[in-house]
């Protein structure tokens, strides 16, 4: 027997008392509500109340009136359905006015609704409701659970709502059955009137389709580390990476390979200046957020830093002195006319002096 409990209990109770549409999103155990007096097959109710007999020979405890199964399976309906992508599921609501037949009590404006989950989930539920204006309680509820091995959604198949009883064998009902207004049901007419007694009970069925979007695995990687060497031992490092399908970059740690403290940043482009020449291996360690975990990937690049030696200025080459050719007189200096006259005047004076000295020697003899 299912019981009315947990966070879902509060949601259903709120919907029952305030008429609020319930959009299931949280998985717990299948539940029904509200808590109410129960009856037996031998001792039915003395007033109009729905699905409160606990020993129905066909369905058992009527309070668990919503169930389902794979549309292509011959098995019994269940409170918990394991679903798969593309699967068609039949959901079923059993409704029964528990008033004794000899009282001739007829429920008015009887409606059934089934509200489906909207958000993708691996574990969720649908909620079913039966209401009548003159029933006590006026609204009752039950749930059915869905479980999958990956997130899925449940989609109502339009035009699939049907009524089954001793009169109707698959009578189409309004698609409003999956809205907050619900769909009218009945016994021999779709007029909302349901007399008391099991012979006037019935089932509402709908079909839903399970959709499991293809889950793409997170992808993350360090694709390249590009380094350019500039003047004065400066370098620029740029990282290229991939982060998609749920992966995101958190930080990058740059180790420049010279024993300095690594630089941690979220920038993919950084600059650095080395203190001395040498060959260094730069390593970029990327940290990614992947779901609820942290993953890393690395890129590396080896570079050589060398400071150019300033060029030595060339030594001036001396102009060679011409060497005279043997056997030839050295050329006279290039002089002007005044220099020539002076030259000859000097020669004449010298000759005159020499002549005077020679004449004086001769006279003394």
Protein backbone atom coordinates (compact mmCIF):
# COMPACT_ATOMS: atom_id res chain seq x y z
CA UNK A 1 0.00 0.00 0.00
CA UNK A 2 1.31 3.41 -0.91
CA UNK A 3 1.27 6.16 1.65
CA UNK A 4 0.98 9.94 1.48
CA UNK A 5 4.41 11.31 2.49
CA UNK A 6 7.48 13.46 1.91
CA UNK A 7 8.00 16.64 -0.13
CA UNK A 8 5.66 15.30 -2.79
CA UNK A 9 2.97 15.03 -0.12
CA UNK A 10 3.12 18.77 0.46
CA UNK A 11 2.95 19.49 -3.27
CA UNK A 12 -0.05 17.24 -3.82
CA UNK A 13 -1.82 18.52 -0.72
CA UNK A 14 -1.37 22.09 -1.95
CA UNK A 15 -2.79 21.18 -5.35
CA UNK A 16 -5.73 19.40 -3.76
CA UNK A 17 -6.71 22.26 -1.50
CA UNK A 18 -5.94 25.20 -3.77
CA UNK A 19 -6.56 23.75 -7.22
CA UNK A 20 -2.95 24.49 -8.22
CA UNK A 21 -1.46 22.63 -11.18
CA UNK A 22 1.29 20.32 -10.01
CA UNK A 23 4.37 20.05 -12.21
CA UNK A 24 6.38 17.09 -10.93
CA UNK A 25 10.13 17.51 -10.75
CA UNK A 26 11.38 15.57 -7.72
CA UNK A 27 11.47 11.82 -7.32
CA UNK A 28 10.32 10.10 -4.15
CA UNK A 29 8.12 7.05 -3.58
CA UNK A 30 4.79 6.87 -5.42
CA UNK A 31 2.14 8.46 -3.19
CA UNK A 32 -1.56 9.09 -2.92
CA UNK A 33 -3.68 11.58 -1.01
CA UNK A 34 -5.29 13.05 0.86
CA UNK A 35 -5.67 10.82 3.90
CA UNK A 36 -9.35 9.79 4.09
CA UNK A 37 -11.70 7.13 5.51
CA UNK A 38 -11.44 3.77 3.77
CA UNK A 39 -14.04 1.14 2.91
CA UNK A 40 -14.21 -2.49 1.80
CA UNK A 41 -15.83 -4.33 -1.05
CA UNK A 42 -18.42 -5.74 1.33
CA UNK A 43 -19.04 -2.45 3.09
CA UNK A 44 -18.95 0.47 0.62
CA UNK A 45 -19.34 4.13 1.46
CA UNK A 46 -22.58 5.80 2.50
CA UNK A 47 -21.69 8.99 0.60
CA UNK A 48 -19.96 9.96 -2.64
CA UNK A 49 -16.24 9.40 -2.38
CA UNK A 50 -13.80 8.10 -4.96
CA UNK A 51 -11.23 5.30 -4.82
CA UNK A 52 -11.26 4.60 -1.08
CA UNK A 53 -11.97 0.85 -1.07
CA UNK A 54 -8.89 -1.09 0.02
CA UNK A 55 -9.77 -4.62 -1.16
CA UNK A 56 -11.12 -4.21 -4.68
CA UNK A 57 -10.87 -7.73 -6.20
CA UNK A 58 -9.60 -6.29 -9.51
CA UNK A 59 -7.29 -3.40 -8.60
CA UNK A 60 -6.63 -3.99 -4.90
CA UNK A 61 -6.22 -0.80 -2.87
CA UNK A 62 -8.01 1.81 -4.98
CA UNK A 63 -6.12 4.71 -3.46
CA UNK A 64 -3.22 3.88 -5.77
CA UNK A 65 -5.36 4.58 -8.83
CA UNK A 66 -2.61 5.83 -11.21
CA UNK A 67 -0.23 3.32 -12.78
CA UNK A 68 1.32 2.49 -16.13
CA UNK A 69 3.37 0.16 -18.30
CA UNK A 70 5.18 -0.17 -21.61
CA UNK A 71 2.53 0.09 -24.33
CA UNK A 72 4.04 -2.89 -26.16
CA UNK A 73 4.35 -5.07 -23.07
CA UNK A 74 1.80 -7.62 -21.93
CA UNK A 75 2.78 -7.25 -18.28
CA UNK A 76 0.79 -5.66 -15.49
CA UNK A 77 0.70 -1.96 -14.74
CA UNK A 78 3.20 -0.67 -12.21
CA UNK A 79 3.73 2.22 -9.82
CA UNK A 80 7.38 2.54 -10.93
CA UNK A 81 8.25 2.38 -14.62
CA UNK A 82 11.79 1.96 -15.95
CA UNK A 83 11.83 3.88 -19.22
CA UNK A 84 14.00 3.88 -22.35
CA UNK A 85 14.50 6.26 -25.24
CA UNK A 86 11.60 6.22 -27.71
CA UNK A 87 9.46 3.99 -25.49
CA UNK A 88 5.67 4.43 -25.58
CA UNK A 89 4.07 4.20 -22.16
CA UNK A 90 0.38 3.80 -21.28
CA UNK A 91 -0.79 5.57 -18.11
CA UNK A 92 -4.06 4.46 -16.51
CA UNK A 93 -6.42 6.12 -14.02
CA UNK A 94 -9.06 3.97 -12.33
CA UNK A 95 -12.10 5.87 -11.05
CA UNK A 96 -14.88 4.41 -8.85
CA UNK A 97 -17.65 6.17 -6.95
CA UNK A 98 -17.60 4.12 -3.73
CA UNK A 99 -21.16 5.01 -2.68
CA UNK A 100 -23.37 1.94 -2.19
CA UNK A 101 -25.52 1.22 -5.24
CA UNK A 102 -28.80 1.19 -3.27
CA UNK A 103 -28.24 4.84 -2.33
CA UNK A 104 -28.41 5.99 -5.98
CA UNK A 105 -25.83 8.71 -5.37
CA UNK A 106 -24.40 10.21 -8.57
CA UNK A 107 -21.12 12.18 -8.69
CA UNK A 108 -21.44 15.42 -10.66
CA UNK A 109 -18.88 17.08 -12.96
CA UNK A 110 -16.46 14.19 -12.51
CA UNK A 111 -13.11 14.94 -14.10
CA UNK A 112 -9.78 13.17 -14.55
CA UNK A 113 -6.44 14.82 -15.20
CA UNK A 114 -2.88 13.59 -15.49
CA UNK A 115 -0.09 16.14 -15.17
CA UNK A 116 3.22 15.19 -16.72
CA UNK A 117 6.78 16.27 -15.82
CA UNK A 118 8.41 18.85 -18.07
CA UNK A 119 12.05 19.12 -17.01
CA UNK A 120 14.56 16.45 -18.14
CA UNK A 121 15.47 14.10 -15.31
CA UNK A 122 16.64 10.57 -14.62
CA UNK A 123 13.95 10.18 -11.94
CA UNK A 124 10.57 11.90 -11.96
CA UNK A 125 6.84 11.27 -11.75
CA UNK A 126 3.39 12.06 -13.13
CA UNK A 127 0.42 13.01 -10.92
CA UNK A 128 -3.17 11.94 -11.51
CA UNK A 129 -6.32 13.57 -10.09
CA UNK A 130 -9.99 12.63 -9.82
CA UNK A 131 -12.47 15.34 -8.86
CA UNK A 132 -16.23 15.74 -8.51
CA UNK A 133 -18.19 18.72 -7.27
CA UNK A 134 -20.18 16.71 -4.70
CA UNK A 135 -17.52 14.18 -3.65
CA UNK A 136 -15.84 14.03 -0.26
CA UNK A 137 -12.99 14.76 -0.55
CA UNK A 138 -13.64 16.80 -3.67
CA UNK A 139 -10.23 15.96 -5.20
CA UNK A 140 -8.00 12.92 -4.73
CA UNK A 141 -4.51 12.35 -6.15
CA UNK A 142 -1.98 9.64 -6.88
CA UNK A 143 1.41 9.45 -8.60
CA UNK A 144 3.44 7.09 -10.76
CA UNK A 145 7.24 7.09 -10.94
CA UNK A 146 9.54 7.07 -13.98
CA UNK A 147 13.21 6.09 -13.83
CA UNK A 148 15.79 6.13 -16.65
CA UNK A 149 19.52 5.61 -16.99
CA UNK A 150 19.94 9.12 -18.46
CA UNK A 151 17.87 12.33 -18.43
CA UNK A 152 14.57 12.02 -20.27
CA UNK A 153 11.32 13.88 -20.91
CA UNK A 154 7.75 12.59 -21.10
CA UNK A 155 5.58 13.85 -23.99
CA UNK A 156 1.83 13.34 -24.25
CA UNK A 157 0.66 11.82 -27.53
CA UNK A 158 -2.14 14.04 -28.74
CA UNK A 159 -5.48 12.27 -29.29
CA UNK A 160 -4.54 9.24 -27.18
CA UNK A 161 -6.89 9.85 -24.18
CA UNK A 162 -9.59 7.19 -23.99
CA UNK A 163 -12.41 6.06 -21.66
CA UNK A 164 -12.99 2.38 -20.91
CA UNK A 165 -16.00 0.99 -18.99
CA UNK A 166 -19.01 -1.29 -19.47
CA UNK A 167 -20.39 1.09 -22.10
CA UNK A 168 -17.34 2.68 -23.77
CA UNK A 169 -14.50 0.62 -25.12
CA UNK A 170 -11.93 3.25 -25.99
CA UNK A 171 -14.07 6.38 -26.30
CA UNK A 172 -11.87 9.36 -27.16
CA UNK A 173 -11.59 12.03 -24.48
CA UNK A 174 -10.44 15.62 -24.68
CA UNK A 175 -6.72 16.34 -24.69
CA UNK A 176 -7.49 18.67 -21.79
CA UNK A 177 -6.92 15.55 -19.68
CA UNK A 178 -3.26 16.60 -19.44
CA UNK A 179 -4.07 20.18 -18.46
CA UNK A 180 -5.15 21.67 -15.15
CA UNK A 181 -8.82 21.67 -16.19
CA UNK A 182 -8.86 17.92 -16.78
CA UNK A 183 -11.36 16.01 -18.97
CA UNK A 184 -14.94 15.09 -18.23
CA UNK A 185 -15.75 11.38 -17.81
CA UNK A 186 -19.04 9.55 -17.25
CA UNK A 187 -20.79 6.24 -17.51
CA UNK A 188 -23.05 6.15 -20.57
CA UNK A 189 -22.32 9.71 -21.63
CA UNK A 190 -19.30 12.00 -21.34
CA UNK A 191 -21.25 14.28 -19.06
CA UNK A 192 -19.35 14.10 -15.76
CA UNK A 193 -22.02 11.89 -14.08
CA UNK A 194 -20.77 8.72 -12.37
CA UNK A 195 -23.26 6.68 -10.28
CA UNK A 196 -22.17 4.82 -7.15
CA UNK A 197 -21.21 1.13 -7.54
CA UNK A 198 -18.38 -0.77 -9.23
CA UNK A 199 -20.43 -1.49 -12.34
CA UNK A 200 -20.23 2.24 -13.18
CA UNK A 201 -16.50 2.52 -12.62
CA UNK A 202 -14.03 2.94 -15.45
CA UNK A 203 -10.53 3.65 -16.66
CA UNK A 204 -8.95 6.62 -18.40
CA UNK A 205 -5.83 5.86 -20.40
CA UNK A 206 -3.36 8.09 -22.17
CA UNK A 207 -0.17 7.38 -24.10
CA UNK A 208 3.11 9.20 -23.59
CA UNK A 209 6.44 9.02 -25.39
CA UNK A 210 9.83 8.93 -23.68
CA UNK A 211 12.59 11.09 -25.16
CA UNK A 212 16.20 10.75 -24.09
CA UNK A 213 18.35 13.40 -25.80
CA UNK A 214 21.68 12.08 -26.94
CA UNK A 215 24.17 12.88 -24.23
CA UNK A 216 27.45 14.25 -25.55
CA UNK A 217 30.47 13.52 -23.44
CA UNK A 218 32.35 16.59 -22.19
CA UNK A 219 35.41 17.42 -24.28
CA UNK A 220 38.43 19.30 -22.94
CA UNK A 221 42.03 19.54 -24.12
CA UNK A 222 45.08 21.78 -24.46
CA UNK A 223 45.48 21.96 -28.22
CA UNK A 224 48.61 24.09 -28.65
CA UNK A 225 51.12 26.31 -26.85
CA UNK A 226 52.56 28.92 -29.20
CA UNK A 227 55.61 30.92 -28.05
CA UNK A 228 57.29 33.86 -29.78
CA UNK A 229 60.68 35.17 -28.63
CA UNK A 230 61.19 38.95 -28.60
CA UNK A 231 64.13 41.19 -27.70
CA UNK A 232 65.73 41.43 -24.26
CA UNK A 233 64.87 37.80 -23.39
CA UNK A 234 61.12 38.49 -23.54
CA UNK A 235 58.59 35.90 -24.75
CA UNK A 236 54.85 35.83 -25.50
CA UNK A 237 52.95 32.58 -24.84
CA UNK A 238 49.48 31.81 -26.24
CA UNK A 239 47.35 28.75 -25.40
CA UNK A 240 44.70 27.21 -27.66
CA UNK A 241 42.24 24.83 -26.00
CA UNK A 242 38.92 22.97 -26.38
CA UNK A 243 36.15 22.98 -23.74
CA UNK A 244 32.61 21.96 -24.73
CA UNK A 245 29.65 19.70 -23.93
CA UNK A 246 29.65 20.74 -20.30
CA UNK A 247 33.38 21.36 -19.84
CA UNK A 248 34.68 24.86 -19.08
CA UNK A 249 38.13 26.38 -18.53
CA UNK A 250 38.92 27.26 -14.93
CA UNK A 251 42.57 28.39 -14.91
CA UNK A 252 45.97 28.05 -16.60
CA UNK A 253 49.30 27.56 -14.80
CA UNK A 254 52.33 28.67 -16.79
CA UNK A 255 55.69 27.15 -15.74
CA UNK A 256 58.45 28.93 -17.66
CA UNK A 257 61.05 26.27 -16.88
CA UNK A 258 63.62 28.54 -15.21
CA UNK A 259 62.81 27.76 -11.60
CA UNK A 260 60.62 30.82 -11.11
CA UNK A 261 57.21 30.64 -9.42
CA UNK A 262 54.59 29.48 -11.97
CA UNK A 263 52.03 32.05 -13.09
CA UNK A 264 48.38 31.05 -12.46
CA UNK A 265 45.77 32.97 -14.42
CA UNK A 266 42.71 32.49 -16.61
CA UNK A 267 44.32 34.35 -19.51
CA UNK A 268 45.33 32.44 -22.61
CA UNK A 269 47.97 35.03 -23.54
CA UNK A 270 50.84 36.01 -21.22
CA UNK A 271 54.29 37.64 -21.45
CA UNK A 272 57.47 36.82 -19.53
CA UNK A 273 61.11 37.99 -19.39
CA UNK A 274 63.97 35.62 -18.62
CA UNK A 275 66.87 36.70 -16.44
CA UNK A 276 69.52 34.86 -18.45
CA UNK A 277 70.11 33.01 -21.67
CA UNK A 278 69.45 29.30 -21.96
CA UNK A 279 67.13 26.57 -23.23
CA UNK A 280 63.82 26.32 -21.36
CA UNK A 281 60.69 24.15 -21.55
CA UNK A 282 57.49 26.12 -20.97
CA UNK A 283 54.54 24.09 -19.68
CA UNK A 284 50.90 25.25 -19.61
CA UNK A 285 48.65 23.20 -17.30
CA UNK A 286 44.96 23.88 -17.96
CA UNK A 287 42.34 23.12 -15.29
CA UNK A 288 38.78 22.42 -16.46
CA UNK A 289 35.45 22.15 -14.68
CA UNK A 290 33.81 18.95 -15.93
CA UNK A 291 30.48 18.29 -14.26
CA UNK A 292 31.21 17.98 -10.57
CA UNK A 293 34.88 17.15 -11.15
CA UNK A 294 38.10 18.99 -11.98
CA UNK A 295 40.27 17.75 -14.84
CA UNK A 296 43.61 18.93 -16.28
CA UNK A 297 45.42 18.93 -19.62
CA UNK A 298 48.94 20.09 -20.56
CA UNK A 299 50.83 21.64 -23.46
CA UNK A 300 54.58 22.33 -23.57
CA UNK A 301 57.10 24.12 -25.79
CA UNK A 302 60.92 24.21 -25.66
CA UNK A 303 62.65 27.47 -26.60
CA UNK A 304 66.20 28.84 -26.60
CA UNK A 305 66.96 32.34 -25.34
CA UNK A 306 70.24 33.94 -26.49
CA UNK A 307 71.29 37.58 -26.29
CA UNK A 308 73.04 38.73 -29.50
CA UNK A 309 76.76 39.91 -29.07
CA UNK A 310 77.24 43.54 -30.21
CA UNK A 311 79.34 43.67 -33.44
CA UNK A 312 83.09 44.76 -33.16
CA UNK A 313 83.81 47.97 -35.18
CA UNK A 314 86.33 47.35 -38.05
CA UNK A 315 90.05 48.43 -37.62
CA UNK A 316 91.00 51.32 -40.02
CA UNK A 317 93.42 50.26 -42.78
CA UNK A 318 96.50 52.75 -43.14
CA UNK A 319 97.14 54.30 -46.55
CA UNK A 320 100.39 52.78 -47.99
CA UNK A 321 103.37 55.13 -48.80
CA UNK A 322 104.54 54.85 -52.41
CA UNK A 323 108.03 53.25 -52.79
CA UNK A 324 110.42 54.97 -55.29
CA UNK A 325 111.54 52.93 -58.25
CA UNK A 326 115.39 52.28 -58.23
CA UNK A 327 117.42 54.02 -61.01
CA UNK A 328 115.12 56.88 -61.40
CA UNK A 329 115.35 60.32 -59.85
CA UNK A 330 112.71 61.28 -57.54
CA UNK A 331 110.35 63.69 -59.18
CA UNK A 332 110.81 67.32 -58.39
CA UNK A 333 108.18 68.98 -56.38
CA UNK A 334 105.48 70.62 -58.35
CA UNK A 335 106.21 74.32 -57.89
CA UNK A 336 104.93 77.54 -59.33
CA UNK A 337 106.90 80.17 -61.40
CA UNK A 338 107.99 82.14 -58.32
CA UNK A 339 109.50 79.02 -56.83
CA UNK A 340 111.49 78.41 -60.06
CA UNK A 341 112.94 81.93 -60.04
CA UNK A 342 113.93 81.61 -56.39
CA UNK A 343 115.54 78.31 -57.13
CA UNK A 344 117.72 79.70 -59.88
CA UNK A 345 118.53 82.82 -57.85
CA UNK A 346 119.77 80.63 -55.03
CA UNK A 347 121.91 78.64 -57.41
CA UNK A 348 123.50 81.81 -58.85
CA UNK A 349 124.31 83.17 -55.40
CA UNK A 350 125.93 79.92 -54.38
CA UNK A 351 128.01 79.84 -57.53
CA UNK A 352 129.17 83.42 -57.03
CA UNK A 353 130.28 82.66 -53.48
CA UNK A 354 132.23 79.64 -54.62
CA UNK A 355 133.97 81.67 -57.31
CA UNK A 356 135.03 84.29 -54.74
CA UNK A 357 136.63 81.70 -52.49
CA UNK A 358 138.61 80.16 -55.34
CA UNK A 359 139.93 83.59 -56.53
CA UNK A 360 141.07 84.59 -53.03
CA UNK A 361 143.18 81.40 -52.66
CA UNK A 362 144.88 81.98 -55.87
CA UNK A 363 145.98 85.59 -54.97
CA UNK A 364 147.63 84.44 -51.71
CA UNK A 365 149.92 82.22 -53.63
